[in-house]
Amino acid sequence: QSICFTFILLSGFCFSLGKRKFRRGLVVFGAGILISLVTELFMPQNRIRFGVLTLLGSCMLIVAMVEKIVCALCKPSENDDNHDDYAHRANAMIWRMVVSLLLFIFTRRVNYGVLGFADVTVARFPRSLYNLGDVGNFLGFTEQTFFSTDYFSLIPWIFLFLTGYYLYKWMKEKQWLTELPKAPSLGAWWRPIGRYSLIIYLLHQPVVYGLLYLLA
């Protein structure tokens, strides 16, 4: 679970670092669909539906669309360079980050039909929500017959993605993010790993499976 938390939190944090955000979201979402199709065809007993890449692609697409709408509606303030305005924006980002984290914790057990904190149940969702088929499975209202070896529904995980997203925004407003020094010793292999991380992620399991199959 700690690996899942870190993976999704960092994905939200890194969302703002690159350009073509909508396109990146489509690529990641498409990679998730590809994995679903391959596992359904070749290893249905271990099929993956609504896995982590489908989630991350969905989160990226949603946030990219919302960003475009917000940018179109909001005009730059005349006081953008004012120190008090910077402080106000930083406070707004940290509150959004905290609210996103609390929403993640509060909706953590939505797949089981309940809202609450840890083992404390505050409310239960109507049973009818859990008979919506794949729409419900995607959102987090999981059918009893649903099965996937890697499952990350939009709720609650989008709230953890948003926590990372606002963490980056807050640190940027606080001017804590500076360009890291480019170490020549790392440049030859470190940057390509980051640049092609999605391809590496997609290929590592077939490679590992293939090697274990040959050894067996």
Protein backbone atom coordinates (compact mmCIF):
# COMPACT_ATOMS: atom_id res chain seq x y z
CA GLN A 1 0.00 0.00 0.00
CA SER A 2 2.83 2.42 0.79
CA ILE A 3 4.18 1.86 -2.76
CA CYS A 4 0.72 2.62 -4.21
CA PHE A 5 0.36 5.74 -2.08
CA THR A 6 3.79 7.04 -3.08
CA PHE A 7 3.32 6.21 -6.77
CA ILE A 8 0.01 8.06 -7.09
CA LEU A 9 1.07 10.98 -4.86
CA LEU A 10 4.23 11.52 -6.93
CA SER A 11 2.25 11.25 -10.16
CA GLY A 12 0.05 14.11 -8.99
CA PHE A 13 3.12 16.07 -7.90
CA CYS A 14 4.86 15.61 -11.28
CA PHE A 15 1.76 16.41 -13.36
CA SER A 16 2.65 20.11 -13.60
CA LEU A 17 6.28 19.57 -14.54
CA GLY A 18 5.76 18.91 -18.25
CA LYS A 19 3.85 20.27 -21.21
CA ARG A 20 1.09 18.71 -23.35
CA LYS A 21 -0.71 17.50 -20.25
CA PHE A 22 -3.87 16.39 -22.04
CA ARG A 23 -1.85 14.42 -24.57
CA ARG A 24 0.16 12.77 -21.79
CA GLY A 25 -3.08 11.82 -20.08
CA LEU A 26 -4.38 10.20 -23.26
CA VAL A 27 -1.14 8.22 -23.68
CA VAL A 28 -1.20 6.92 -20.10
CA PHE A 29 -4.92 6.12 -20.30
CA GLY A 30 -4.35 4.31 -23.60
CA ALA A 31 -1.53 2.30 -22.01
CA GLY A 32 -3.95 1.24 -19.27
CA ILE A 33 -6.50 0.09 -21.86
CA LEU A 34 -3.75 -1.83 -23.69
CA ILE A 35 -2.79 -3.68 -20.51
CA SER A 36 -6.44 -4.55 -19.90
CA LEU A 37 -6.82 -5.98 -23.41
CA VAL A 38 -3.58 -8.00 -23.28
CA THR A 39 -4.34 -9.53 -19.87
CA GLU A 40 -7.93 -10.27 -20.87
CA LEU A 41 -6.74 -12.14 -23.97
CA PHE A 42 -3.63 -13.94 -22.72
CA MET A 43 -4.06 -14.32 -18.95
CA PRO A 44 -7.76 -13.87 -18.08
CA GLN A 45 -7.22 -15.51 -14.68
CA ASN A 46 -5.01 -12.51 -13.83
CA ARG A 47 -6.82 -9.87 -15.84
CA ILE A 48 -6.33 -6.20 -15.07
CA ARG A 49 -9.29 -3.87 -15.36
CA PHE A 50 -9.18 -0.26 -14.18
CA GLY A 51 -5.57 -0.63 -13.10
CA VAL A 52 -3.20 2.07 -11.95
CA LEU A 53 -2.41 3.41 -15.43
CA THR A 54 -6.11 3.77 -16.25
CA LEU A 55 -6.49 5.69 -13.00
CA LEU A 56 -3.50 7.97 -13.59
CA GLY A 57 -4.56 8.67 -17.17
CA SER A 58 -8.07 9.53 -15.99
CA CYS A 59 -6.75 11.84 -13.27
CA MET A 60 -4.44 13.58 -15.74
CA LEU A 61 -7.24 14.10 -18.27
CA ILE A 62 -9.64 15.44 -15.64
CA VAL A 63 -7.11 17.84 -14.10
CA ALA A 64 -5.92 19.01 -17.54
CA MET A 65 -9.49 19.83 -18.59
CA VAL A 66 -10.25 21.62 -15.33
CA GLU A 67 -7.02 23.63 -15.64
CA LYS A 68 -8.01 24.78 -19.12
CA ILE A 69 -11.46 25.85 -17.91
CA VAL A 70 -10.03 27.70 -14.90
CA CYS A 71 -7.38 29.46 -17.02
CA ALA A 72 -10.06 30.54 -19.50
CA LEU A 73 -12.30 31.96 -16.75
CA CYS A 74 -9.65 33.60 -14.55
CA LYS A 75 -7.77 36.68 -15.61
CA PRO A 76 -4.32 37.50 -14.16
CA SER A 77 -4.52 39.74 -11.15
CA GLU A 78 -2.83 43.15 -11.18
CA ASN A 79 -1.29 42.20 -7.85
CA ASP A 80 0.29 38.95 -9.05
CA ASP A 81 3.76 40.16 -8.06
CA ASN A 82 2.64 41.39 -4.65
CA HIS A 83 4.12 39.51 -1.68
CA ASP A 84 0.74 39.32 0.09
CA ASP A 85 -0.82 37.81 -3.03
CA TYR A 86 1.90 35.14 -3.11
CA ALA A 87 1.18 34.31 0.53
CA HIS A 88 -2.56 34.14 -0.15
CA ARG A 89 -2.07 31.72 -3.05
CA ALA A 90 0.31 29.57 -0.99
CA ASN A 91 -2.25 29.35 1.82
CA ALA A 92 -4.99 28.47 -0.67
CA MET A 93 -2.86 25.64 -2.08
CA ILE A 94 -2.04 24.13 1.30
CA TRP A 95 -5.72 24.16 2.29
CA ARG A 96 -6.67 22.46 -0.98
CA MET A 97 -3.95 19.89 -0.34
CA VAL A 98 -5.26 19.19 3.17
CA VAL A 99 -8.88 18.93 1.98
CA SER A 100 -7.85 16.53 -0.81
CA LEU A 101 -5.98 14.34 1.66
CA LEU A 102 -8.94 14.29 4.06
CA LEU A 103 -11.30 13.37 1.21
CA PHE A 104 -8.99 10.51 0.28
CA ILE A 105 -8.99 9.21 3.85
CA PHE A 106 -12.76 9.72 4.20
CA THR A 107 -13.60 7.86 0.97
CA ARG A 108 -10.90 5.19 1.33
CA ARG A 109 -13.46 2.38 1.77
CA VAL A 110 -15.89 3.43 -0.96
CA ASN A 111 -15.29 0.09 -2.74
CA TYR A 112 -16.89 -1.59 0.28
CA GLY A 113 -19.86 0.76 0.41
CA VAL A 114 -18.90 2.91 3.38
CA LEU A 115 -17.63 6.37 4.22
CA GLY A 116 -15.52 7.03 7.28
CA PHE A 117 -12.11 7.35 8.87
CA ALA A 118 -10.04 4.16 9.32
CA ASP A 119 -12.42 1.59 10.85
CA VAL A 120 -15.01 4.20 11.90
CA THR A 121 -18.03 4.10 9.58
CA VAL A 122 -19.81 7.44 9.21
CA ALA A 123 -22.26 6.58 6.43
CA ARG A 124 -23.11 3.91 3.87
CA PHE A 125 -23.72 4.33 0.15
CA PRO A 126 -27.03 3.12 -1.34
CA ARG A 127 -26.74 -0.43 -2.67
CA SER A 128 -28.16 0.70 -6.00
CA LEU A 129 -24.89 2.50 -6.76
CA TYR A 130 -23.10 -0.84 -6.78
CA ASN A 131 -25.15 -2.21 -9.69
CA LEU A 132 -24.00 0.23 -12.35
CA GLY A 133 -21.70 -2.17 -14.18
CA ASP A 134 -18.34 -0.93 -15.40
CA VAL A 135 -19.33 2.70 -14.89
CA GLY A 136 -19.67 2.00 -11.18
CA ASN A 137 -16.52 -0.13 -11.13
CA PHE A 138 -14.56 2.72 -12.71
CA LEU A 139 -15.91 5.31 -10.27
CA GLY A 140 -15.43 3.12 -7.18
CA PHE A 141 -18.89 1.60 -6.66
CA THR A 142 -17.58 -1.93 -7.13
CA GLU A 143 -19.87 -4.81 -8.07
CA GLN A 144 -19.59 -7.96 -5.95
CA THR A 145 -18.69 -10.04 -9.02
CA PHE A 146 -15.98 -7.63 -10.21
CA PHE A 147 -12.44 -8.99 -10.33
CA SER A 148 -9.11 -7.39 -11.21
CA THR A 149 -5.58 -8.17 -10.06
CA ASP A 150 -4.75 -4.44 -10.15
CA TYR A 151 -7.66 -2.17 -9.27
CA PHE A 152 -7.62 1.57 -8.60
CA SER A 153 -11.02 3.23 -8.87
CA LEU A 154 -11.34 6.96 -9.52
CA ILE A 155 -12.70 7.41 -6.00
CA PRO A 156 -10.82 7.57 -3.63
CA TRP A 157 -7.52 7.66 -5.55
CA ILE A 158 -8.12 10.88 -7.47
CA PHE A 159 -8.04 12.71 -4.14
CA LEU A 160 -4.54 11.35 -3.42
CA PHE A 161 -3.49 12.45 -6.93
CA LEU A 162 -4.86 15.92 -6.15
CA THR A 163 -2.97 15.94 -2.85
CA GLY A 164 0.28 15.56 -4.79
CA TYR A 165 -0.89 18.10 -7.37
CA TYR A 166 -1.54 20.77 -4.74
CA LEU A 167 1.65 19.85 -2.85
CA TYR A 168 3.62 20.83 -5.94
CA LYS A 169 1.59 24.05 -6.35
CA TRP A 170 2.16 24.95 -2.71
CA MET A 171 5.92 24.31 -2.87
CA LYS A 172 6.11 26.33 -6.07
CA GLU A 173 4.32 29.29 -4.47
CA LYS A 174 6.72 29.05 -1.51
CA GLN A 175 9.57 29.11 -4.05
CA TRP A 176 11.04 25.91 -2.62
CA LEU A 177 11.40 24.25 -6.01
CA THR A 178 14.68 25.00 -7.72
CA GLU A 179 16.37 23.25 -10.61
CA LEU A 180 18.52 20.40 -9.40
CA PRO A 181 22.19 20.46 -10.43
CA LYS A 182 22.86 18.28 -13.44
CA ALA A 183 25.39 15.71 -12.33
CA PRO A 184 27.46 14.52 -15.33
CA SER A 185 27.92 11.09 -13.75
CA LEU A 186 24.15 10.54 -13.70
CA GLY A 187 23.20 12.27 -16.95
CA ALA A 188 24.14 9.41 -19.23
CA TRP A 189 21.62 6.94 -17.80
CA TRP A 190 19.37 8.76 -15.32
CA ARG A 191 17.53 11.08 -17.71
CA PRO A 192 16.59 8.42 -20.30
CA ILE A 193 15.10 6.30 -17.50
CA GLY A 194 12.86 9.20 -16.54
CA ARG A 195 12.09 10.12 -20.15
CA TYR A 196 11.03 6.60 -21.09
CA SER A 197 9.63 5.53 -17.73
CA LEU A 198 6.21 4.58 -19.17
CA ILE A 199 7.76 2.24 -21.75
CA ILE A 200 9.97 0.70 -19.05
CA TYR A 201 6.94 0.26 -16.83
CA LEU A 202 4.99 -1.46 -19.62
CA LEU A 203 7.84 -3.80 -20.58
CA HIS A 204 9.23 -4.81 -17.20
CA GLN A 205 6.55 -7.38 -16.37
CA PRO A 206 6.61 -9.22 -19.74
CA VAL A 207 10.41 -9.33 -19.50
CA VAL A 208 10.34 -10.67 -15.93
CA TYR A 209 7.60 -13.19 -16.79
CA GLY A 210 9.56 -14.33 -19.85
CA LEU A 211 12.79 -14.83 -17.90
CA LEU A 212 11.03 -16.76 -15.13
CA TYR A 213 9.26 -18.90 -17.75
CA LEU A 214 12.59 -19.79 -19.37
CA LEU A 215 14.17 -20.57 -15.99
CA ALA A 216 11.23 -22.79 -15.06
